Amino acid sequence: MRNKKQETITFKADEALAKALHTVPNKSEFIRNAILNALENGCPLCQGTGILTSEQRSHWAKFLNTHSLQKCEECKAVHLVCGSNDNPCRH
């Protein structure tokens, strides 16, 4: 089996981040895992940017007319719910 070629990628870090990373035993593994986790668990709407465009906000507002955000009583996670008390979802 051939080994996959690895590529070195660098980035700039401010002093506080650099100081925090110096406490991590295996920085490369930590950073790889953090990036993979962020890519796998990014918001499907903003695609990980954390910001909605004006077009996305418009679509989101329309979506919320027939859907709502609710907090799970058991696990406390916020999730989407189809329908609302005022405007039930009709699929």
PDB file of N, CA and C in Angstrom:
ATOM      1  N   MET A   1       0.838  -1.161   0.000  1.00  0.00           N
ATOM      2  CA  MET A   1       0.000   0.000   0.000  1.00  0.00           C
ATOM      3  C   MET A   1       0.896   1.242   0.000  1.00  0.00           C
ATOM      4  N   ARG A   2       0.597   2.175  -0.891  1.00  0.00           N
ATOM      5  CA  ARG A   2       1.383   3.404  -0.959  1.00  0.00           C
ATOM      6  C   ARG A   2       0.920   4.391   0.096  1.00  0.00           C
ATOM      7  N   ASN A   3       1.863   5.092   0.673  1.00  0.00           N
ATOM      8  CA  ASN A   3       1.530   6.144   1.624  1.00  0.00           C
ATOM      9  C   ASN A   3       1.024   7.360   0.867  1.00  0.00           C
ATOM     10  N   LYS A   4      -0.012   7.986   1.406  1.00  0.00           N
ATOM     11  CA  LYS A   4      -0.502   9.214   0.796  1.00  0.00           C
ATOM     12  C   LYS A   4       0.495  10.327   1.081  1.00  0.00           C
ATOM     13  N   LYS A   5       0.733  11.140   0.063  1.00  0.00           N
ATOM     14  CA  LYS A   5       1.642  12.258   0.225  1.00  0.00           C
ATOM     15  C   LYS A   5       0.996  13.300   1.129  1.00  0.00           C
ATOM     16  N   GLN A   6       1.721  13.750   2.122  1.00  0.00           N
ATOM     17  CA  GLN A   6       1.214  14.777   3.025  1.00  0.00           C
ATOM     18  C   GLN A   6       1.689  16.136   2.565  1.00  0.00           C
ATOM     19  N   GLU A   7       0.877  17.121   2.825  1.00  0.00           N
ATOM     20  CA  GLU A   7       1.195  18.495   2.467  1.00  0.00           C
ATOM     21  C   GLU A   7       1.269  19.323   3.745  1.00  0.00           C
ATOM     22  N   THR A   8       2.234  20.206   3.813  1.00  0.00           N
ATOM     23  CA  THR A   8       2.369  21.083   4.963  1.00  0.00           C
ATOM     24  C   THR A   8       1.599  22.367   4.691  1.00  0.00           C
ATOM     25  N   ILE A   9       0.729  22.717   5.642  1.00  0.00           N
ATOM     26  CA  ILE A   9      -0.053  23.942   5.539  1.00  0.00           C
ATOM     27  C   ILE A   9       0.251  24.767   6.781  1.00  0.00           C
ATOM     28  N   THR A  10       0.508  26.045   6.594  1.00  0.00           N
ATOM     29  CA  THR A  10       0.817  26.918   7.723  1.00  0.00           C
ATOM     30  C   THR A  10      -0.252  27.996   7.851  1.00  0.00           C
ATOM     31  N   PHE A  11      -0.347  28.575   9.029  1.00  0.00           N
ATOM     32  CA  PHE A  11      -1.270  29.683   9.240  1.00  0.00           C
ATOM     33  C   PHE A  11      -0.702  30.591  10.316  1.00  0.00           C
ATOM     34  N   LYS A  12      -1.183  31.826  10.329  1.00  0.00           N
ATOM     35  CA  LYS A  12      -0.744  32.788  11.332  1.00  0.00           C
ATOM     36  C   LYS A  12      -1.651  32.680  12.543  1.00  0.00           C
ATOM     37  N   ALA A  13      -1.071  32.846  13.710  1.00  0.00           N
ATOM     38  CA  ALA A  13      -1.834  32.815  14.956  1.00  0.00           C
ATOM     39  C   ALA A  13      -1.428  34.004  15.811  1.00  0.00           C
ATOM     40  N   ASP A  14      -2.422  34.617  16.456  1.00  0.00           N
ATOM     41  CA  ASP A  14      -2.079  35.715  17.357  1.00  0.00           C
ATOM     42  C   ASP A  14      -1.359  35.150  18.579  1.00  0.00           C
ATOM     43  N   GLU A  15      -0.851  36.032  19.396  1.00  0.00           N
ATOM     44  CA  GLU A  15      -0.021  35.620  20.527  1.00  0.00           C
ATOM     45  C   GLU A  15      -0.765  34.701  21.494  1.00  0.00           C
ATOM     46  N   ALA A  16      -2.044  35.007  21.763  1.00  0.00           N
ATOM     47  CA  ALA A  16      -2.812  34.203  22.717  1.00  0.00           C
ATOM     48  C   ALA A  16      -3.032  32.782  22.192  1.00  0.00           C
ATOM     49  N   LEU A  17      -3.362  32.668  20.904  1.00  0.00           N
ATOM     50  CA  LEU A  17      -3.570  31.336  20.318  1.00  0.00           C
ATOM     51  C   LEU A  17      -2.262  30.557  20.290  1.00  0.00           C
ATOM     52  N   ALA A  18      -1.189  31.211  19.896  1.00  0.00           N
ATOM     53  CA  ALA A  18       0.119  30.547  19.862  1.00  0.00           C
ATOM     54  C   ALA A  18       0.510  30.047  21.246  1.00  0.00           C
ATOM     55  N   LYS A  19       0.274  30.864  22.253  1.00  0.00           N
ATOM     56  CA  LYS A  19       0.604  30.477  23.630  1.00  0.00           C
ATOM     57  C   LYS A  19      -0.233  29.261  24.048  1.00  0.00           C
ATOM     58  N   ALA A  20      -1.524  29.265  23.699  1.00  0.00           N
ATOM     59  CA  ALA A  20      -2.398  28.138  24.045  1.00  0.00           C
ATOM     60  C   ALA A  20      -1.956  26.874  23.317  1.00  0.00           C
ATOM     61  N   LEU A  21      -1.568  26.999  22.056  1.00  0.00           N
ATOM     62  CA  LEU A  21      -1.138  25.830  21.290  1.00  0.00           C
ATOM     63  C   LEU A  21       0.158  25.234  21.831  1.00  0.00           C
ATOM     64  N   HIS A  22       0.991  26.052  22.439  1.00  0.00           N
ATOM     65  CA  HIS A  22       2.241  25.538  23.002  1.00  0.00           C
ATOM     66  C   HIS A  22       1.993  24.566  24.152  1.00  0.00           C
ATOM     67  N   THR A  23       0.800  24.607  24.733  1.00  0.00           N
ATOM     68  CA  THR A  23       0.482  23.688  25.834  1.00  0.00           C
ATOM     69  C   THR A  23      -0.038  22.345  25.337  1.00  0.00           C
ATOM     70  N   VAL A  24      -0.322  22.243  24.038  1.00  0.00           N
ATOM     71  CA  VAL A  24      -0.871  21.008  23.462  1.00  0.00           C
ATOM     72  C   VAL A  24       0.288  20.074  23.112  1.00  0.00           C
ATOM     73  N   PRO A  25       0.256  18.822  23.602  1.00  0.00           N
ATOM     74  CA  PRO A  25       1.361  17.893  23.364  1.00  0.00           C
ATOM     75  C   PRO A  25       1.630  17.611  21.876  1.00  0.00           C
ATOM     76  N   ASN A  26       0.592  17.387  21.079  1.00  0.00           N
ATOM     77  CA  ASN A  26       0.772  17.093  19.659  1.00  0.00           C
ATOM     78  C   ASN A  26      -0.046  18.103  18.865  1.00  0.00           C
ATOM     79  N   LYS A  27       0.580  19.254  18.601  1.00  0.00           N
ATOM     80  CA  LYS A  27      -0.113  20.353  17.930  1.00  0.00           C
ATOM     81  C   LYS A  27      -0.675  19.941  16.574  1.00  0.00           C
ATOM     82  N   SER A  28       0.093  19.229  15.781  1.00  0.00           N
ATOM     83  CA  SER A  28      -0.357  18.848  14.442  1.00  0.00           C
ATOM     84  C   SER A  28      -1.622  18.000  14.502  1.00  0.00           C
ATOM     85  N   GLU A  29      -1.623  17.002  15.361  1.00  0.00           N
ATOM     86  CA  GLU A  29      -2.799  16.138  15.481  1.00  0.00           C
ATOM     87  C   GLU A  29      -3.994  16.929  15.999  1.00  0.00           C
ATOM     88  N   PHE A  30      -3.776  17.797  16.975  1.00  0.00           N
ATOM     89  CA  PHE A  30      -4.845  18.616  17.534  1.00  0.00           C
ATOM     90  C   PHE A  30      -5.458  19.506  16.457  1.00  0.00           C
ATOM     91  N   ILE A  31      -4.611  20.188  15.692  1.00  0.00           N
ATOM     92  CA  ILE A  31      -5.087  21.102  14.650  1.00  0.00           C
ATOM     93  C   ILE A  31      -5.809  20.326  13.550  1.00  0.00           C
ATOM     94  N   ARG A  32      -5.255  19.177  13.118  1.00  0.00           N
ATOM     95  CA  ARG A  32      -5.929  18.345  12.104  1.00  0.00           C
ATOM     96  C   ARG A  32      -7.320  17.941  12.568  1.00  0.00           C
ATOM     97  N   ASN A  33      -7.420  17.447  13.813  1.00  0.00           N
ATOM     98  CA  ASN A  33      -8.712  17.016  14.346  1.00  0.00           C
ATOM     99  C   ASN A  33      -9.690  18.178  14.469  1.00  0.00           C
ATOM    100  N   ALA A  34      -9.201  19.340  14.905  1.00  0.00           N
ATOM    101  CA  ALA A  34     -10.068  20.508  15.047  1.00  0.00           C
ATOM    102  C   ALA A  34     -10.608  20.956  13.693  1.00  0.00           C
ATOM    103  N   ILE A  35      -9.759  20.966  12.674  1.00  0.00           N
ATOM    104  CA  ILE A  35     -10.190  21.379  11.340  1.00  0.00           C
ATOM    105  C   ILE A  35     -11.181  20.369  10.762  1.00  0.00           C
ATOM    106  N   LEU A  36     -10.879  19.085  10.872  1.00  0.00           N
ATOM    107  CA  LEU A  36     -11.807  18.067  10.367  1.00  0.00           C
ATOM    108  C   LEU A  36     -13.151  18.141  11.072  1.00  0.00           C
ATOM    109  N   ASN A  37     -13.139  18.340  12.368  1.00  0.00           N
ATOM    110  CA  ASN A  37     -14.383  18.464  13.127  1.00  0.00           C
ATOM    111  C   ASN A  37     -15.175  19.682  12.668  1.00  0.00           C
ATOM    112  N   ALA A  38     -14.504  20.801  12.469  1.00  0.00           N
ATOM    113  CA  ALA A  38     -15.185  22.015  12.018  1.00  0.00           C
ATOM    114  C   ALA A  38     -15.773  21.822  10.619  1.00  0.00           C
ATOM    115  N   LEU A  39     -15.052  21.160   9.736  1.00  0.00           N
ATOM    116  CA  LEU A  39     -15.549  20.933   8.378  1.00  0.00           C
ATOM    117  C   LEU A  39     -16.724  19.966   8.354  1.00  0.00           C
ATOM    118  N   GLU A  40     -16.697  18.955   9.210  1.00  0.00           N
ATOM    119  CA  GLU A  40     -17.760  17.954   9.238  1.00  0.00           C
ATOM    120  C   GLU A  40     -19.009  18.462   9.938  1.00  0.00           C
ATOM    121  N   ASN A  41     -18.872  19.442  10.810  1.00  0.00           N
ATOM    122  CA  ASN A  41     -19.995  19.890  11.626  1.00  0.00           C
ATOM    123  C   ASN A  41     -20.362  21.348  11.380  1.00  0.00           C
ATOM    124  N   GLY A  42     -20.034  21.847  10.213  1.00  0.00           N
ATOM    125  CA  GLY A  42     -20.356  23.227   9.887  1.00  0.00           C
ATOM    126  C   GLY A  42     -21.843  23.415   9.643  1.00  0.00           C
ATOM    127  N   CYS A  43     -22.311  24.604   9.859  1.00  0.00           N
ATOM    128  CA  CYS A  43     -23.715  24.950   9.624  1.00  0.00           C
ATOM    129  C   CYS A  43     -24.026  24.800   8.136  1.00  0.00           C
ATOM    130  N   PRO A  44     -25.073  24.048   7.805  1.00  0.00           N
ATOM    131  CA  PRO A  44     -25.397  23.861   6.388  1.00  0.00           C
ATOM    132  C   PRO A  44     -25.917  25.132   5.717  1.00  0.00           C
ATOM    133  N   LEU A  45     -26.431  26.064   6.508  1.00  0.00           N
ATOM    134  CA  LEU A  45     -26.966  27.289   5.920  1.00  0.00           C
ATOM    135  C   LEU A  45     -25.861  28.297   5.617  1.00  0.00           C
ATOM    136  N   CYS A  46     -25.045  28.626   6.620  1.00  0.00           N
ATOM    137  CA  CYS A  46     -23.978  29.612   6.399  1.00  0.00           C
ATOM    138  C   CYS A  46     -22.696  28.960   5.906  1.00  0.00           C
ATOM    139  N   GLN A  47     -22.667  27.638   5.886  1.00  0.00           N
ATOM    140  CA  GLN A  47     -21.518  26.851   5.445  1.00  0.00           C
ATOM    141  C   GLN A  47     -20.261  27.169   6.249  1.00  0.00           C
ATOM    142  N   GLY A  48     -20.484  27.392   7.550  1.00  0.00           N
ATOM    143  CA  GLY A  48     -19.365  27.579   8.459  1.00  0.00           C
ATOM    144  C   GLY A  48     -18.844  28.990   8.588  1.00  0.00           C
ATOM    145  N   THR A  49     -19.427  29.943   7.861  1.00  0.00           N
ATOM    146  CA  THR A  49     -18.921  31.315   7.961  1.00  0.00           C
ATOM    147  C   THR A  49     -19.418  32.016   9.207  1.00  0.00           C
ATOM    148  N   GLY A  50     -20.573  31.591   9.728  1.00  0.00           N
ATOM    149  CA  GLY A  50     -21.162  32.252  10.883  1.00  0.00           C
ATOM    150  C   GLY A  50     -21.973  33.479  10.521  1.00  0.00           C
ATOM    151  N   ILE A  51     -22.070  33.765   9.227  1.00  0.00           N
ATOM    152  CA  ILE A  51     -22.783  34.962   8.761  1.00  0.00           C
ATOM    153  C   ILE A  51     -23.703  34.576   7.607  1.00  0.00           C
ATOM    154  N   LEU A  52     -24.941  35.070   7.646  1.00  0.00           N
ATOM    155  CA  LEU A  52     -25.874  34.843   6.548  1.00  0.00           C
ATOM    156  C   LEU A  52     -25.875  36.054   5.622  1.00  0.00           C
ATOM    157  N   THR A  53     -25.912  35.808   4.327  1.00  0.00           N
ATOM    158  CA  THR A  53     -26.048  36.898   3.363  1.00  0.00           C
ATOM    159  C   THR A  53     -27.467  37.441   3.450  1.00  0.00           C
ATOM    160  N   SER A  54     -27.726  38.577   2.845  1.00  0.00           N
ATOM    161  CA  SER A  54     -29.084  39.129   2.875  1.00  0.00           C
ATOM    162  C   SER A  54     -30.061  38.176   2.190  1.00  0.00           C
ATOM    163  N   GLU A  55     -29.615  37.486   1.130  1.00  0.00           N
ATOM    164  CA  GLU A  55     -30.469  36.512   0.452  1.00  0.00           C
ATOM    165  C   GLU A  55     -30.778  35.326   1.363  1.00  0.00           C
ATOM    166  N   GLN A  56     -29.771  34.837   2.085  1.00  0.00           N
ATOM    167  CA  GLN A  56     -29.978  33.731   3.021  1.00  0.00           C
ATOM    168  C   GLN A  56     -30.906  34.143   4.160  1.00  0.00           C
ATOM    169  N   ARG A  57     -30.752  35.374   4.657  1.00  0.00           N
ATOM    170  CA  ARG A  57     -31.634  35.860   5.720  1.00  0.00           C
ATOM    171  C   ARG A  57     -33.078  35.908   5.244  1.00  0.00           C
ATOM    172  N   SER A  58     -33.284  36.310   3.994  1.00  0.00           N
ATOM    173  CA  SER A  58     -34.631  36.356   3.431  1.00  0.00           C
ATOM    174  C   SER A  58     -35.238  34.959   3.363  1.00  0.00           C
ATOM    175  N   HIS A  59     -34.482  33.989   2.863  1.00  0.00           N
ATOM    176  CA  HIS A  59     -34.953  32.598   2.808  1.00  0.00           C
ATOM    177  C   HIS A  59     -35.207  32.060   4.222  1.00  0.00           C
ATOM    178  N   TRP A  60     -34.325  32.380   5.145  1.00  0.00           N
ATOM    179  CA  TRP A  60     -34.453  31.915   6.526  1.00  0.00           C
ATOM    180  C   TRP A  60     -35.736  32.474   7.148  1.00  0.00           C
ATOM    181  N   ALA A  61     -36.013  33.747   6.914  1.00  0.00           N
ATOM    182  CA  ALA A  61     -37.221  34.368   7.467  1.00  0.00           C
ATOM    183  C   ALA A  61     -38.476  33.669   6.928  1.00  0.00           C
ATOM    184  N   LYS A  62     -38.484  33.373   5.627  1.00  0.00           N
ATOM    185  CA  LYS A  62     -39.626  32.657   5.042  1.00  0.00           C
ATOM    186  C   LYS A  62     -39.750  31.260   5.632  1.00  0.00           C
ATOM    187  N   PHE A  63     -38.631  30.589   5.816  1.00  0.00           N
ATOM    188  CA  PHE A  63     -38.619  29.246   6.387  1.00  0.00           C
ATOM    189  C   PHE A  63     -39.208  29.254   7.797  1.00  0.00           C
ATOM    190  N   LEU A  64     -38.872  30.289   8.564  1.00  0.00           N
ATOM    191  CA  LEU A  64     -39.347  30.367   9.950  1.00  0.00           C
ATOM    192  C   LEU A  64     -40.839  30.663  10.049  1.00  0.00           C
ATOM    193  N   ASN A  65     -41.473  31.020   8.918  1.00  0.00           N
ATOM    194  CA  ASN A  65     -42.928  31.190   8.930  1.00  0.00           C
ATOM    195  C   ASN A  65     -43.630  29.859   9.167  1.00  0.00           C
ATOM    196  N   THR A  66     -42.992  28.764   8.766  1.00  0.00           N
ATOM    197  CA  THR A  66     -43.616  27.439   8.910  1.00  0.00           C
ATOM    198  C   THR A  66     -42.766  26.480   9.736  1.00  0.00           C
ATOM    199  N   HIS A  67     -41.716  26.984  10.344  1.00  0.00           N
ATOM    200  CA  HIS A  67     -40.832  26.165  11.170  1.00  0.00           C
ATOM    201  C   HIS A  67     -40.406  26.986  12.379  1.00  0.00           C
ATOM    202  N   SER A  68     -39.893  26.310  13.366  1.00  0.00           N
ATOM    203  CA  SER A  68     -39.417  27.034  14.542  1.00  0.00           C
ATOM    204  C   SER A  68     -38.169  26.366  15.095  1.00  0.00           C
ATOM    205  N   LEU A  69     -37.467  27.126  15.913  1.00  0.00           N
ATOM    206  CA  LEU A  69     -36.326  26.600  16.651  1.00  0.00           C
ATOM    207  C   LEU A  69     -36.806  26.292  18.059  1.00  0.00           C
ATOM    208  N   GLN A  70     -36.504  25.111  18.541  1.00  0.00           N
ATOM    209  CA  GLN A  70     -36.895  24.738  19.894  1.00  0.00           C
ATOM    210  C   GLN A  70     -35.712  24.093  20.600  1.00  0.00           C
ATOM    211  N   LYS A  71     -35.715  24.214  21.908  1.00  0.00           N
ATOM    212  CA  LYS A  71     -34.663  23.614  22.727  1.00  0.00           C
ATOM    213  C   LYS A  71     -35.178  22.301  23.303  1.00  0.00           C
ATOM    214  N   CYS A  72     -34.428  21.241  23.096  1.00  0.00           N
ATOM    215  CA  CYS A  72     -34.794  19.928  23.618  1.00  0.00           C
ATOM    216  C   CYS A  72     -34.722  19.953  25.140  1.00  0.00           C
ATOM    217  N   GLU A  73     -35.777  19.478  25.769  1.00  0.00           N
ATOM    218  CA  GLU A  73     -35.822  19.444  27.233  1.00  0.00           C
ATOM    219  C   GLU A  73     -34.804  18.456  27.807  1.00  0.00           C
ATOM    220  N   GLU A  74     -34.519  17.385  27.059  1.00  0.00           N
ATOM    221  CA  GLU A  74     -33.608  16.356  27.564  1.00  0.00           C
ATOM    222  C   GLU A  74     -32.137  16.728  27.402  1.00  0.00           C
ATOM    223  N   CYS A  75     -31.741  17.019  26.150  1.00  0.00           N
ATOM    224  CA  CYS A  75     -30.311  17.253  25.898  1.00  0.00           C
ATOM    225  C   CYS A  75     -29.946  18.725  25.777  1.00  0.00           C
ATOM    226  N   LYS A  76     -30.953  19.589  25.741  1.00  0.00           N
ATOM    227  CA  LYS A  76     -30.776  21.050  25.660  1.00  0.00           C
ATOM    228  C   LYS A  76     -30.271  21.531  24.307  1.00  0.00           C
ATOM    229  N   ALA A  77     -30.237  20.668  23.292  1.00  0.00           N
ATOM    230  CA  ALA A  77     -29.809  21.082  21.956  1.00  0.00           C
ATOM    231  C   ALA A  77     -30.934  21.853  21.267  1.00  0.00           C
ATOM    232  N   VAL A  78     -30.587  22.914  20.573  1.00  0.00           N
ATOM    233  CA  VAL A  78     -31.554  23.660  19.776  1.00  0.00           C
ATOM    234  C   VAL A  78     -31.699  22.935  18.442  1.00  0.00           C
ATOM    235  N   HIS A  79     -32.949  22.764  17.999  1.00  0.00           N
ATOM    236  CA  HIS A  79     -33.197  22.047  16.747  1.00  0.00           C
ATOM    237  C   HIS A  79     -34.388  22.645  16.029  1.00  0.00           C
ATOM    238  N   LEU A  80     -34.516  22.318  14.743  1.00  0.00           N
ATOM    239  CA  LEU A  80     -35.626  22.797  13.922  1.00  0.00           C
ATOM    240  C   LEU A  80     -36.837  21.911  14.109  1.00  0.00           C
ATOM    241  N   VAL A  81     -37.996  22.538  14.140  1.00  0.00           N
ATOM    242  CA  VAL A  81     -39.250  21.804  14.253  1.00  0.00           C
ATOM    243  C   VAL A  81     -40.155  22.250  13.113  1.00  0.00           C
ATOM    244  N   CYS A  82     -40.705  21.282  12.407  1.00  0.00           N
ATOM    245  CA  CYS A  82     -41.600  21.583  11.302  1.00  0.00           C
ATOM    246  C   CYS A  82     -42.931  22.079  11.859  1.00  0.00           C
ATOM    247  N   GLY A  83     -43.372  23.214  11.376  1.00  0.00           N
ATOM    248  CA  GLY A  83     -44.633  23.786  11.817  1.00  0.00           C
ATOM    249  C   GLY A  83     -44.448  24.673  13.026  1.00  0.00           C
ATOM    250  N   SER A  84     -45.438  25.508  13.260  1.00  0.00           N
ATOM    251  CA  SER A  84     -45.469  26.351  14.453  1.00  0.00           C
ATOM    252  C   SER A  84     -46.909  26.375  14.928  1.00  0.00           C
ATOM    253  N   ASN A  85     -47.141  26.883  16.103  1.00  0.00           N
ATOM    254  CA  ASN A  85     -48.502  26.938  16.623  1.00  0.00           C
ATOM    255  C   ASN A  85     -49.401  27.769  15.727  1.00  0.00           C
ATOM    256  N   ASP A  86     -48.866  28.867  15.183  1.00  0.00           N
ATOM    257  CA  ASP A  86     -49.663  29.765  14.358  1.00  0.00           C
ATOM    258  C   ASP A  86     -49.779  29.312  12.916  1.00  0.00           C
ATOM    259  N   ASN A  87     -48.786  28.572  12.441  1.00  0.00           N
ATOM    260  CA  ASN A  87     -48.729  28.249  11.016  1.00  0.00           C
ATOM    261  C   ASN A  87     -48.187  26.829  10.825  1.00  0.00           C
ATOM    262  N   PRO A  88     -49.032  25.810  10.867  1.00  0.00           N
ATOM    263  CA  PRO A  88     -48.529  24.436  10.740  1.00  0.00           C
ATOM    264  C   PRO A  88     -47.920  24.177   9.362  1.00  0.00           C
ATOM    265  N   CYS A  89     -46.918  23.340   9.362  1.00  0.00           N
ATOM    266  CA  CYS A  89     -46.220  22.965   8.130  1.00  0.00           C
ATOM    267  C   CYS A  89     -47.078  21.985   7.346  1.00  0.00           C
ATOM    268  N   ARG A  90     -47.180  22.188   6.046  1.00  0.00           N
ATOM    269  CA  ARG A  90     -47.970  21.289   5.200  1.00  0.00           C
ATOM    270  C   ARG A  90     -47.064  20.700   4.122  1.00  0.00           C
ATOM    271  N   HIS A  91     -46.596  19.488   4.322  1.00  0.00           N
ATOM    272  CA  HIS A  91     -45.719  18.828   3.333  1.00  0.00           C
ATOM    273  C   HIS A  91     -46.504  17.826   2.560  1.00  0.00           C
TER     274      HIS A  91
END
